[in-house]
Amino acid sequence: MNIGKLRHRVELKSATTEQDGYGESVETWSGDAYTTVWASIEPLSGRELEHAQQITAETNHRIRIRYNSSVAAEHRAYWGSRIFEITAIINPEERNIYQDLYCKEIG
């Protein structure tokens, strides 16, 4: 892996559960990042979907980071104002050198 490609500073966050005014549990993502990593971000595919008579765009990305055993699919990646929902985590060749986070951009 060419380490120079890891030029994006990405924050990884986990959800926290809080109670709203009615006592209901609400999942929020506004907390601090549990870790910040250097990454490469590569768009893989994009498409437009029609949902409820509205057209929305969906873009899928691969975010490559150094291996980190604490990363889980329940986390989200933040880069600037962009938010990525992790859909899969791949450890290429099972060598624990780097990880590919396959993500769907949301927001």
PDB file of N, CA and C in Angstrom:
ATOM      1  N   MET A   1       0.853  -1.177   0.000  1.00  0.00           N
ATOM      2  CA  MET A   1       0.000   0.000   0.000  1.00  0.00           C
ATOM      3  C   MET A   1       0.891   1.231   0.000  1.00  0.00           C
ATOM      4  N   ASN A   2       0.575   2.178  -0.854  1.00  0.00           N
ATOM      5  CA  ASN A   2       1.289   3.441  -0.908  1.00  0.00           C
ATOM      6  C   ASN A   2       0.732   4.348   0.188  1.00  0.00           C
ATOM      7  N   ILE A   3       1.542   4.604   1.207  1.00  0.00           N
ATOM      8  CA  ILE A   3       1.072   5.346   2.378  1.00  0.00           C
ATOM      9  C   ILE A   3       0.689   6.788   2.025  1.00  0.00           C
ATOM     10  N   GLY A   4       1.230   7.318   0.924  1.00  0.00           N
ATOM     11  CA  GLY A   4       0.900   8.677   0.500  1.00  0.00           C
ATOM     12  C   GLY A   4      -0.548   8.857   0.082  1.00  0.00           C
ATOM     13  N   LYS A   5      -1.230   7.774  -0.218  1.00  0.00           N
ATOM     14  CA  LYS A   5      -2.648   7.861  -0.594  1.00  0.00           C
ATOM     15  C   LYS A   5      -3.549   8.115   0.606  1.00  0.00           C
ATOM     16  N   LEU A   6      -3.063   7.867   1.810  1.00  0.00           N
ATOM     17  CA  LEU A   6      -3.867   8.103   3.017  1.00  0.00           C
ATOM     18  C   LEU A   6      -3.768   9.575   3.382  1.00  0.00           C
ATOM     19  N   ARG A   7      -4.495  10.422   2.643  1.00  0.00           N
ATOM     20  CA  ARG A   7      -4.356  11.866   2.809  1.00  0.00           C
ATOM     21  C   ARG A   7      -5.595  12.547   3.399  1.00  0.00           C
ATOM     22  N   HIS A   8      -6.627  11.786   3.684  1.00  0.00           N
ATOM     23  CA  HIS A   8      -7.844  12.347   4.256  1.00  0.00           C
ATOM     24  C   HIS A   8      -7.884  12.037   5.750  1.00  0.00           C
ATOM     25  N   ARG A   9      -8.178  13.048   6.556  1.00  0.00           N
ATOM     26  CA  ARG A   9      -8.295  12.862   8.005  1.00  0.00           C
ATOM     27  C   ARG A   9      -9.763  12.556   8.307  1.00  0.00           C
ATOM     28  N   VAL A  10     -10.049  11.322   8.700  1.00  0.00           N
ATOM     29  CA  VAL A  10     -11.421  10.843   8.881  1.00  0.00           C
ATOM     30  C   VAL A  10     -11.662  10.568  10.353  1.00  0.00           C
ATOM     31  N   GLU A  11     -12.814  11.014  10.846  1.00  0.00           N
ATOM     32  CA  GLU A  11     -13.224  10.724  12.223  1.00  0.00           C
ATOM     33  C   GLU A  11     -14.190   9.549  12.210  1.00  0.00           C
ATOM     34  N   LEU A  12     -14.005   8.620  13.126  1.00  0.00           N
ATOM     35  CA  LEU A  12     -14.927   7.506  13.286  1.00  0.00           C
ATOM     36  C   LEU A  12     -15.709   7.722  14.574  1.00  0.00           C
ATOM     37  N   LYS A  13     -17.018   7.635  14.462  1.00  0.00           N
ATOM     38  CA  LYS A  13     -17.892   7.883  15.610  1.00  0.00           C
ATOM     39  C   LYS A  13     -18.820   6.701  15.830  1.00  0.00           C
ATOM     40  N   SER A  14     -19.216   6.541  17.075  1.00  0.00           N
ATOM     41  CA  SER A  14     -20.224   5.536  17.405  1.00  0.00           C
ATOM     42  C   SER A  14     -21.450   6.257  17.940  1.00  0.00           C
ATOM     43  N   ALA A  15     -22.579   5.623  17.820  1.00  0.00           N
ATOM     44  CA  ALA A  15     -23.835   6.224  18.264  1.00  0.00           C
ATOM     45  C   ALA A  15     -23.939   6.177  19.777  1.00  0.00           C
ATOM     46  N   THR A  16     -24.605   7.172  20.317  1.00  0.00           N
ATOM     47  CA  THR A  16     -24.929   7.162  21.732  1.00  0.00           C
ATOM     48  C   THR A  16     -26.452   7.193  21.854  1.00  0.00           C
ATOM     49  N   THR A  17     -26.961   6.591  22.891  1.00  0.00           N
ATOM     50  CA  THR A  17     -28.397   6.551  23.120  1.00  0.00           C
ATOM     51  C   THR A  17     -28.741   7.475  24.273  1.00  0.00           C
ATOM     52  N   GLU A  18     -29.665   8.385  24.009  1.00  0.00           N
ATOM     53  CA  GLU A  18     -30.127   9.338  25.019  1.00  0.00           C
ATOM     54  C   GLU A  18     -31.637   9.259  25.110  1.00  0.00           C
ATOM     55  N   GLN A  19     -32.176   9.820  26.164  1.00  0.00           N
ATOM     56  CA  GLN A  19     -33.625   9.860  26.298  1.00  0.00           C
ATOM     57  C   GLN A  19     -34.127  11.250  25.942  1.00  0.00           C
ATOM     58  N   ASP A  20     -35.219  11.286  25.178  1.00  0.00           N
ATOM     59  CA  ASP A  20     -35.824  12.572  24.845  1.00  0.00           C
ATOM     60  C   ASP A  20     -36.758  13.011  25.964  1.00  0.00           C
ATOM     61  N   GLY A  21     -37.472  14.087  25.773  1.00  0.00           N
ATOM     62  CA  GLY A  21     -38.359  14.627  26.788  1.00  0.00           C
ATOM     63  C   GLY A  21     -39.500  13.717  27.180  1.00  0.00           C
ATOM     64  N   TYR A  22     -39.795  12.735  26.319  1.00  0.00           N
ATOM     65  CA  TYR A  22     -40.879  11.796  26.597  1.00  0.00           C
ATOM     66  C   TYR A  22     -40.382  10.479  27.173  1.00  0.00           C
ATOM     67  N   GLY A  23     -39.090  10.373  27.427  1.00  0.00           N
ATOM     68  CA  GLY A  23     -38.518   9.155  27.980  1.00  0.00           C
ATOM     69  C   GLY A  23     -38.177   8.093  26.948  1.00  0.00           C
ATOM     70  N   GLU A  24     -38.336   8.430  25.664  1.00  0.00           N
ATOM     71  CA  GLU A  24     -38.011   7.502  24.591  1.00  0.00           C
ATOM     72  C   GLU A  24     -36.510   7.521  24.317  1.00  0.00           C
ATOM     73  N   SER A  25     -35.955   6.386  23.954  1.00  0.00           N
ATOM     74  CA  SER A  25     -34.541   6.309  23.602  1.00  0.00           C
ATOM     75  C   SER A  25     -34.334   6.851  22.190  1.00  0.00           C
ATOM     76  N   VAL A  26     -33.343   7.724  22.046  1.00  0.00           N
ATOM     77  CA  VAL A  26     -33.031   8.343  20.760  1.00  0.00           C
ATOM     78  C   VAL A  26     -31.548   8.133  20.487  1.00  0.00           C
ATOM     79  N   GLU A  27     -31.233   7.659  19.280  1.00  0.00           N
ATOM     80  CA  GLU A  27     -29.844   7.445  18.893  1.00  0.00           C
ATOM     81  C   GLU A  27     -29.286   8.727  18.290  1.00  0.00           C
ATOM     82  N   THR A  28     -28.140   9.193  18.798  1.00  0.00           N
ATOM     83  CA  THR A  28     -27.517  10.410  18.278  1.00  0.00           C
ATOM     84  C   THR A  28     -26.071  10.126  17.894  1.00  0.00           C
ATOM     85  N   TRP A  29     -25.557  10.921  16.969  1.00  0.00           N
ATOM     86  CA  TRP A  29     -24.190  10.783  16.469  1.00  0.00           C
ATOM     87  C   TRP A  29     -23.387  12.053  16.710  1.00  0.00           C
ATOM     88  N   SER A  30     -23.845  12.927  17.567  1.00  0.00           N
ATOM     89  CA  SER A  30     -23.225  14.242  17.709  1.00  0.00           C
ATOM     90  C   SER A  30     -22.017  14.265  18.638  1.00  0.00           C
ATOM     91  N   GLY A  31     -21.682  13.147  19.235  1.00  0.00           N
ATOM     92  CA  GLY A  31     -20.570  13.113  20.184  1.00  0.00           C
ATOM     93  C   GLY A  31     -19.213  13.222  19.517  1.00  0.00           C
ATOM     94  N   ASP A  32     -18.190  13.219  20.342  1.00  0.00           N
ATOM     95  CA  ASP A  32     -16.822  13.283  19.838  1.00  0.00           C
ATOM     96  C   ASP A  32     -16.455  11.976  19.150  1.00  0.00           C
ATOM     97  N   ALA A  33     -15.487  12.070  18.244  1.00  0.00           N
ATOM     98  CA  ALA A  33     -14.996  10.882  17.558  1.00  0.00           C
ATOM     99  C   ALA A  33     -14.254   9.997  18.552  1.00  0.00           C
ATOM    100  N   TYR A  34     -14.443   8.676  18.427  1.00  0.00           N
ATOM    101  CA  TYR A  34     -13.701   7.790  19.316  1.00  0.00           C
ATOM    102  C   TYR A  34     -12.293   7.569  18.779  1.00  0.00           C
ATOM    103  N   THR A  35     -12.081   7.822  17.483  1.00  0.00           N
ATOM    104  CA  THR A  35     -10.737   7.797  16.920  1.00  0.00           C
ATOM    105  C   THR A  35     -10.717   8.605  15.630  1.00  0.00           C
ATOM    106  N   THR A  36      -9.555   9.105  15.294  1.00  0.00           N
ATOM    107  CA  THR A  36      -9.342   9.829  14.051  1.00  0.00           C
ATOM    108  C   THR A  36      -8.208   9.132  13.318  1.00  0.00           C
ATOM    109  N   VAL A  37      -8.414   8.850  12.031  1.00  0.00           N
ATOM    110  CA  VAL A  37      -7.447   8.072  11.258  1.00  0.00           C
ATOM    111  C   VAL A  37      -7.158   8.750   9.924  1.00  0.00           C
ATOM    112  N   TRP A  38      -6.008   8.411   9.354  1.00  0.00           N
ATOM    113  CA  TRP A  38      -5.688   8.820   7.987  1.00  0.00           C
ATOM    114  C   TRP A  38      -6.280   7.785   7.055  1.00  0.00           C
ATOM    115  N   ALA A  39      -6.876   8.246   5.954  1.00  0.00           N
ATOM    116  CA  ALA A  39      -7.586   7.336   5.059  1.00  0.00           C
ATOM    117  C   ALA A  39      -7.507   7.810   3.615  1.00  0.00           C
ATOM    118  N   SER A  40      -7.785   6.893   2.714  1.00  0.00           N
ATOM    119  CA  SER A  40      -8.031   7.265   1.325  1.00  0.00           C
ATOM    120  C   SER A  40      -9.510   7.020   1.066  1.00  0.00           C
ATOM    121  N   ILE A  41     -10.130   7.923   0.328  1.00  0.00           N
ATOM    122  CA  ILE A  41     -11.558   7.811   0.034  1.00  0.00           C
ATOM    123  C   ILE A  41     -11.712   7.725  -1.471  1.00  0.00           C
ATOM    124  N   GLU A  42     -12.364   6.665  -1.927  1.00  0.00           N
ATOM    125  CA  GLU A  42     -12.519   6.434  -3.356  1.00  0.00           C
ATOM    126  C   GLU A  42     -13.985   6.146  -3.669  1.00  0.00           C
ATOM    127  N   PRO A  43     -14.621   6.964  -4.524  1.00  0.00           N
ATOM    128  CA  PRO A  43     -15.998   6.650  -4.914  1.00  0.00           C
ATOM    129  C   PRO A  43     -16.018   5.406  -5.793  1.00  0.00           C
ATOM    130  N   LEU A  44     -16.975   4.530  -5.547  1.00  0.00           N
ATOM    131  CA  LEU A  44     -17.076   3.275  -6.304  1.00  0.00           C
ATOM    132  C   LEU A  44     -18.223   3.283  -7.295  1.00  0.00           C
ATOM    133  N   SER A  45     -19.386   3.740  -6.850  1.00  0.00           N
ATOM    134  CA  SER A  45     -20.552   3.729  -7.726  1.00  0.00           C
ATOM    135  C   SER A  45     -21.542   4.793  -7.272  1.00  0.00           C
ATOM    136  N   GLY A  46     -22.400   5.134  -8.189  1.00  0.00           N
ATOM    137  CA  GLY A  46     -23.457   6.090  -7.873  1.00  0.00           C
ATOM    138  C   GLY A  46     -24.696   5.749  -8.675  1.00  0.00           C
ATOM    139  N   ARG A  47     -25.837   6.122  -8.129  1.00  0.00           N
ATOM    140  CA  ARG A  47     -27.086   5.881  -8.841  1.00  0.00           C
ATOM    141  C   ARG A  47     -28.135   6.838  -8.304  1.00  0.00           C
ATOM    142  N   GLU A  48     -29.190   6.981  -9.088  1.00  0.00           N
ATOM    143  CA  GLU A  48     -30.316   7.793  -8.672  1.00  0.00           C
ATOM    144  C   GLU A  48     -31.494   6.872  -8.421  1.00  0.00           C
ATOM    145  N   LEU A  49     -32.196   7.132  -7.327  1.00  0.00           N
ATOM    146  CA  LEU A  49     -33.338   6.319  -6.944  1.00  0.00           C
ATOM    147  C   LEU A  49     -34.577   7.190  -6.863  1.00  0.00           C
ATOM    148  N   GLU A  50     -35.710   6.622  -7.229  1.00  0.00           N
ATOM    149  CA  GLU A  50     -36.973   7.330  -7.052  1.00  0.00           C
ATOM    150  C   GLU A  50     -37.671   6.717  -5.846  1.00  0.00           C
ATOM    151  N   HIS A  51     -37.930   7.565  -4.871  1.00  0.00           N
ATOM    152  CA  HIS A  51     -38.573   7.117  -3.648  1.00  0.00           C
ATOM    153  C   HIS A  51     -39.585   8.173  -3.248  1.00  0.00           C
ATOM    154  N   ALA A  52     -40.819   7.776  -3.106  1.00  0.00           N
ATOM    155  CA  ALA A  52     -41.907   8.684  -2.731  1.00  0.00           C
ATOM    156  C   ALA A  52     -41.970   9.879  -3.683  1.00  0.00           C
ATOM    157  N   GLN A  53     -41.881   9.595  -4.949  1.00  0.00           N
ATOM    158  CA  GLN A  53     -41.965  10.579  -6.023  1.00  0.00           C
ATOM    159  C   GLN A  53     -40.863  11.631  -5.949  1.00  0.00           C
ATOM    160  N   GLN A  54     -39.736  11.279  -5.349  1.00  0.00           N
ATOM    161  CA  GLN A  54     -38.580  12.159  -5.322  1.00  0.00           C
ATOM    162  C   GLN A  54     -37.367  11.371  -5.781  1.00  0.00           C
ATOM    163  N   ILE A  55     -36.491  12.043  -6.498  1.00  0.00           N
ATOM    164  CA  ILE A  55     -35.273  11.409  -6.963  1.00  0.00           C
ATOM    165  C   ILE A  55     -34.154  11.748  -5.990  1.00  0.00           C
ATOM    166  N   THR A  56     -33.487  10.710  -5.484  1.00  0.00           N
ATOM    167  CA  THR A  56     -32.366  10.903  -4.577  1.00  0.00           C
ATOM    168  C   THR A  56     -31.143  10.196  -5.148  1.00  0.00           C
ATOM    169  N   ALA A  57     -29.988  10.766  -4.885  1.00  0.00           N
ATOM    170  CA  ALA A  57     -28.743  10.173  -5.353  1.00  0.00           C
ATOM    171  C   ALA A  57     -28.127   9.337  -4.243  1.00  0.00           C
ATOM    172  N   GLU A  58     -27.503   8.239  -4.626  1.00  0.00           N
ATOM    173  CA  GLU A  58     -26.817   7.379  -3.661  1.00  0.00           C
ATOM    174  C   GLU A  58     -25.418   7.106  -4.209  1.00  0.00           C
ATOM    175  N   THR A  59     -24.412   7.338  -3.391  1.00  0.00           N
ATOM    176  CA  THR A  59     -23.031   7.115  -3.795  1.00  0.00           C
ATOM    177  C   THR A  59     -22.371   6.167  -2.802  1.00  0.00           C
ATOM    178  N   ASN A  60     -21.680   5.177  -3.329  1.00  0.00           N
ATOM    179  CA  ASN A  60     -20.958   4.219  -2.493  1.00  0.00           C
ATOM    180  C   ASN A  60     -19.459   4.484  -2.602  1.00  0.00           C
ATOM    181  N   HIS A  61     -18.770   4.369  -1.477  1.00  0.00           N
ATOM    182  CA  HIS A  61     -17.342   4.663  -1.417  1.00  0.00           C
ATOM    183  C   HIS A  61     -16.587   3.526  -0.739  1.00  0.00           C
ATOM    184  N   ARG A  62     -15.292   3.489  -1.001  1.00  0.00           N
ATOM    185  CA  ARG A  62     -14.387   2.636  -0.237  1.00  0.00           C
ATOM    186  C   ARG A  62     -13.436   3.554   0.510  1.00  0.00           C
ATOM    187  N   ILE A  63     -13.396   3.405   1.813  1.00  0.00           N
ATOM    188  CA  ILE A  63     -12.469   4.166   2.651  1.00  0.00           C
ATOM    189  C   ILE A  63     -11.429   3.169   3.151  1.00  0.00           C
ATOM    190  N   ARG A  64     -10.174   3.404   2.792  1.00  0.00           N
ATOM    191  CA  ARG A  64      -9.095   2.495   3.207  1.00  0.00           C
ATOM    192  C   ARG A  64      -8.325   3.137   4.355  1.00  0.00           C
ATOM    193  N   ILE A  65      -8.169   2.380   5.443  1.00  0.00           N
ATOM    194  CA  ILE A  65      -7.447   2.855   6.625  1.00  0.00           C
ATOM    195  C   ILE A  65      -6.437   1.793   7.045  1.00  0.00           C
ATOM    196  N   ARG A  66      -5.505   2.183   7.894  1.00  0.00           N
ATOM    197  CA  ARG A  66      -4.636   1.186   8.510  1.00  0.00           C
ATOM    198  C   ARG A  66      -5.497   0.292   9.394  1.00  0.00           C
ATOM    199  N   TYR A  67      -5.082  -0.946   9.574  1.00  0.00           N
ATOM    200  CA  TYR A  67      -5.865  -1.910  10.337  1.00  0.00           C
ATOM    201  C   TYR A  67      -6.144  -1.392  11.749  1.00  0.00           C
ATOM    202  N   ASN A  68      -7.401  -1.496  12.157  1.00  0.00           N
ATOM    203  CA  ASN A  68      -7.827  -1.072  13.480  1.00  0.00           C
ATOM    204  C   ASN A  68      -8.927  -2.040  13.923  1.00  0.00           C
ATOM    205  N   SER A  69      -8.610  -2.889  14.886  1.00  0.00           N
ATOM    206  CA  SER A  69      -9.555  -3.928  15.286  1.00  0.00           C
ATOM    207  C   SER A  69     -10.808  -3.386  15.965  1.00  0.00           C
ATOM    208  N   SER A  70     -10.799  -2.124  16.374  1.00  0.00           N
ATOM    209  CA  SER A  70     -11.966  -1.576  17.070  1.00  0.00           C
ATOM    210  C   SER A  70     -13.025  -1.023  16.121  1.00  0.00           C
ATOM    211  N   VAL A  71     -12.762  -0.966  14.832  1.00  0.00           N
ATOM    212  CA  VAL A  71     -13.742  -0.448  13.872  1.00  0.00           C
ATOM    213  C   VAL A  71     -14.821  -1.492  13.650  1.00  0.00           C
ATOM    214  N   ALA A  72     -16.078  -1.041  13.692  1.00  0.00           N
ATOM    215  CA  ALA A  72     -17.219  -1.949  13.502  1.00  0.00           C
ATOM    216  C   ALA A  72     -18.202  -1.337  12.507  1.00  0.00           C
ATOM    217  N   ALA A  73     -19.030  -2.176  11.945  1.00  0.00           N
ATOM    218  CA  ALA A  73     -20.015  -1.713  10.962  1.00  0.00           C
ATOM    219  C   ALA A  73     -21.063  -0.796  11.580  1.00  0.00           C
ATOM    220  N   GLU A  74     -21.161  -0.760  12.903  1.00  0.00           N
ATOM    221  CA  GLU A  74     -22.118   0.117  13.568  1.00  0.00           C
ATOM    222  C   GLU A  74     -21.619   1.563  13.631  1.00  0.00           C
ATOM    223  N   HIS A  75     -20.388   1.811  13.262  1.00  0.00           N
ATOM    224  CA  HIS A  75     -19.812   3.154  13.328  1.00  0.00           C
ATOM    225  C   HIS A  75     -20.097   3.934  12.052  1.00  0.00           C
ATOM    226  N   ARG A  76     -19.806   5.207  12.098  1.00  0.00           N
ATOM    227  CA  ARG A  76     -19.892   6.073  10.925  1.00  0.00           C
ATOM    228  C   ARG A  76     -18.570   6.788  10.752  1.00  0.00           C
ATOM    229  N   ALA A  77     -18.272   7.129   9.501  1.00  0.00           N
ATOM    230  CA  ALA A  77     -17.061   7.874   9.184  1.00  0.00           C
ATOM    231  C   ALA A  77     -17.466   9.291   8.785  1.00  0.00           C
ATOM    232  N   TYR A  78     -16.740  10.268   9.305  1.00  0.00           N
ATOM    233  CA  TYR A  78     -16.997  11.678   9.016  1.00  0.00           C
ATOM    234  C   TYR A  78     -15.748  12.286   8.398  1.00  0.00           C
ATOM    235  N   TRP A  79     -15.921  12.956   7.269  1.00  0.00           N
ATOM    236  CA  TRP A  79     -14.825  13.665   6.617  1.00  0.00           C
ATOM    237  C   TRP A  79     -15.366  15.040   6.215  1.00  0.00           C
ATOM    238  N   GLY A  80     -14.933  16.049   6.930  1.00  0.00           N
ATOM    239  CA  GLY A  80     -15.480  17.387   6.707  1.00  0.00           C
ATOM    240  C   GLY A  80     -16.965  17.384   7.008  1.00  0.00           C
ATOM    241  N   SER A  81     -17.760  17.847   6.044  1.00  0.00           N
ATOM    242  CA  SER A  81     -19.213  17.872   6.241  1.00  0.00           C
ATOM    243  C   SER A  81     -19.888  16.612   5.702  1.00  0.00           C
ATOM    244  N   ARG A  82     -19.108  15.672   5.227  1.00  0.00           N
ATOM    245  CA  ARG A  82     -19.662  14.454   4.638  1.00  0.00           C
ATOM    246  C   ARG A  82     -19.726  13.325   5.669  1.00  0.00           C
ATOM    247  N   ILE A  83     -20.800  12.530   5.568  1.00  0.00           N
ATOM    248  CA  ILE A  83     -21.038  11.434   6.503  1.00  0.00           C
ATOM    249  C   ILE A  83     -21.158  10.139   5.712  1.00  0.00           C
ATOM    250  N   PHE A  84     -20.457   9.101   6.189  1.00  0.00           N
ATOM    251  CA  PHE A  84     -20.463   7.810   5.519  1.00  0.00           C
ATOM    252  C   PHE A  84     -20.930   6.734   6.496  1.00  0.00           C
ATOM    253  N   GLU A  85     -21.948   6.002   6.094  1.00  0.00           N
ATOM    254  CA  GLU A  85     -22.450   4.881   6.891  1.00  0.00           C
ATOM    255  C   GLU A  85     -21.714   3.622   6.441  1.00  0.00           C
ATOM    256  N   ILE A  86     -21.058   2.949   7.364  1.00  0.00           N
ATOM    257  CA  ILE A  86     -20.270   1.761   7.028  1.00  0.00           C
ATOM    258  C   ILE A  86     -21.215   0.578   6.820  1.00  0.00           C
ATOM    259  N   THR A  87     -21.112  -0.052   5.644  1.00  0.00           N
ATOM    260  CA  THR A  87     -21.962  -1.199   5.342  1.00  0.00           C
ATOM    261  C   THR A  87     -21.196  -2.516   5.419  1.00  0.00           C
ATOM    262  N   ALA A  88     -19.875  -2.475   5.232  1.00  0.00           N
ATOM    263  CA  ALA A  88     -19.060  -3.691   5.318  1.00  0.00           C
ATOM    264  C   ALA A  88     -17.615  -3.312   5.603  1.00  0.00           C
ATOM    265  N   ILE A  89     -16.909  -4.216   6.276  1.00  0.00           N
ATOM    266  CA  ILE A  89     -15.487  -4.021   6.572  1.00  0.00           C
ATOM    267  C   ILE A  89     -14.746  -5.250   6.064  1.00  0.00           C
ATOM    268  N   ILE A  90     -13.757  -5.014   5.212  1.00  0.00           N
ATOM    269  CA  ILE A  90     -12.974  -6.099   4.632  1.00  0.00           C
ATOM    270  C   ILE A  90     -11.521  -5.958   5.071  1.00  0.00           C
ATOM    271  N   ASN A  91     -10.925  -7.057   5.489  1.00  0.00           N
ATOM    272  CA  ASN A  91      -9.510  -7.119   5.850  1.00  0.00           C
ATOM    273  C   ASN A  91      -8.809  -7.861   4.709  1.00  0.00           C
ATOM    274  N   PRO A  92      -8.300  -7.123   3.691  1.00  0.00           N
ATOM    275  CA  PRO A  92      -7.734  -7.784   2.514  1.00  0.00           C
ATOM    276  C   PRO A  92      -6.626  -8.778   2.883  1.00  0.00           C
ATOM    277  N   GLU A  93      -6.745  -9.953   2.332  1.00  0.00           N
ATOM    278  CA  GLU A  93      -5.787 -11.043   2.529  1.00  0.00           C
ATOM    279  C   GLU A  93      -5.643 -11.455   3.997  1.00  0.00           C
ATOM    280  N   GLU A  94      -6.503 -10.956   4.880  1.00  0.00           N
ATOM    281  CA  GLU A  94      -6.476 -11.282   6.316  1.00  0.00           C
ATOM    282  C   GLU A  94      -5.084 -11.090   6.923  1.00  0.00           C
ATOM    283  N   ARG A  95      -4.408 -10.006   6.498  1.00  0.00           N
ATOM    284  CA  ARG A  95      -3.044  -9.769   6.962  1.00  0.00           C
ATOM    285  C   ARG A  95      -2.960  -8.689   8.039  1.00  0.00           C
ATOM    286  N   ASN A  96      -4.081  -8.074   8.389  1.00  0.00           N
ATOM    287  CA  ASN A  96      -4.137  -7.042   9.430  1.00  0.00           C
ATOM    288  C   ASN A  96      -3.194  -5.868   9.141  1.00  0.00           C
ATOM    289  N   ILE A  97      -3.085  -5.491   7.868  1.00  0.00           N
ATOM    290  CA  ILE A  97      -2.259  -4.344   7.481  1.00  0.00           C
ATOM    291  C   ILE A  97      -3.147  -3.124   7.272  1.00  0.00           C
ATOM    292  N   TYR A  98      -4.226  -3.300   6.531  1.00  0.00           N
ATOM    293  CA  TYR A  98      -5.181  -2.218   6.337  1.00  0.00           C
ATOM    294  C   TYR A  98      -6.581  -2.802   6.216  1.00  0.00           C
ATOM    295  N   GLN A  99      -7.579  -1.927   6.253  1.00  0.00           N
ATOM    296  CA  GLN A  99      -8.977  -2.335   6.140  1.00  0.00           C
ATOM    297  C   GLN A  99      -9.655  -1.486   5.091  1.00  0.00           C
ATOM    298  N   ASP A 100     -10.575  -2.084   4.390  1.00  0.00           N
ATOM    299  CA  ASP A 100     -11.435  -1.367   3.451  1.00  0.00           C
ATOM    300  C   ASP A 100     -12.815  -1.253   4.083  1.00  0.00           C
ATOM    301  N   LEU A 101     -13.256  -0.031   4.274  1.00  0.00           N
ATOM    302  CA  LEU A 101     -14.597   0.233   4.792  1.00  0.00           C
ATOM    303  C   LEU A 101     -15.473   0.578   3.600  1.00  0.00           C
ATOM    304  N   TYR A 102     -16.423  -0.263   3.298  1.00  0.00           N
ATOM    305  CA  TYR A 102     -17.357   0.014   2.212  1.00  0.00           C
ATOM    306  C   TYR A 102     -18.521   0.788   2.820  1.00  0.00           C
ATOM    307  N   CYS A 103     -18.783   1.961   2.239  1.00  0.00           N
ATOM    308  CA  CYS A 103     -19.710   2.905   2.864  1.00  0.00           C
ATOM    309  C   CYS A 103     -20.710   3.443   1.871  1.00  0.00           C
ATOM    310  N   LYS A 104     -21.820   3.894   2.429  1.00  0.00           N
ATOM    311  CA  LYS A 104     -22.835   4.618   1.672  1.00  0.00           C
ATOM    312  C   LYS A 104     -22.842   6.041   2.228  1.00  0.00           C
ATOM    313  N   GLU A 105     -22.709   7.019   1.339  1.00  0.00           N
ATOM    314  CA  GLU A 105     -22.723   8.402   1.788  1.00  0.00           C
ATOM    315  C   GLU A 105     -24.150   8.801   2.124  1.00  0.00           C
ATOM    316  N   ILE A 106     -24.311   9.418   3.292  1.00  0.00           N
ATOM    317  CA  ILE A 106     -25.639   9.856   3.732  1.00  0.00           C
ATOM    318  C   ILE A 106     -25.601  11.346   4.016  1.00  0.00           C
ATOM    319  N   GLY A 107     -26.740  11.925   4.201  1.00  0.00           N
ATOM    320  CA  GLY A 107     -26.776  13.336   4.576  1.00  0.00           C
ATOM    321  C   GLY A 107     -27.386  14.160   3.591  1.00  0.00           C
TER     322      GLY A 107
END
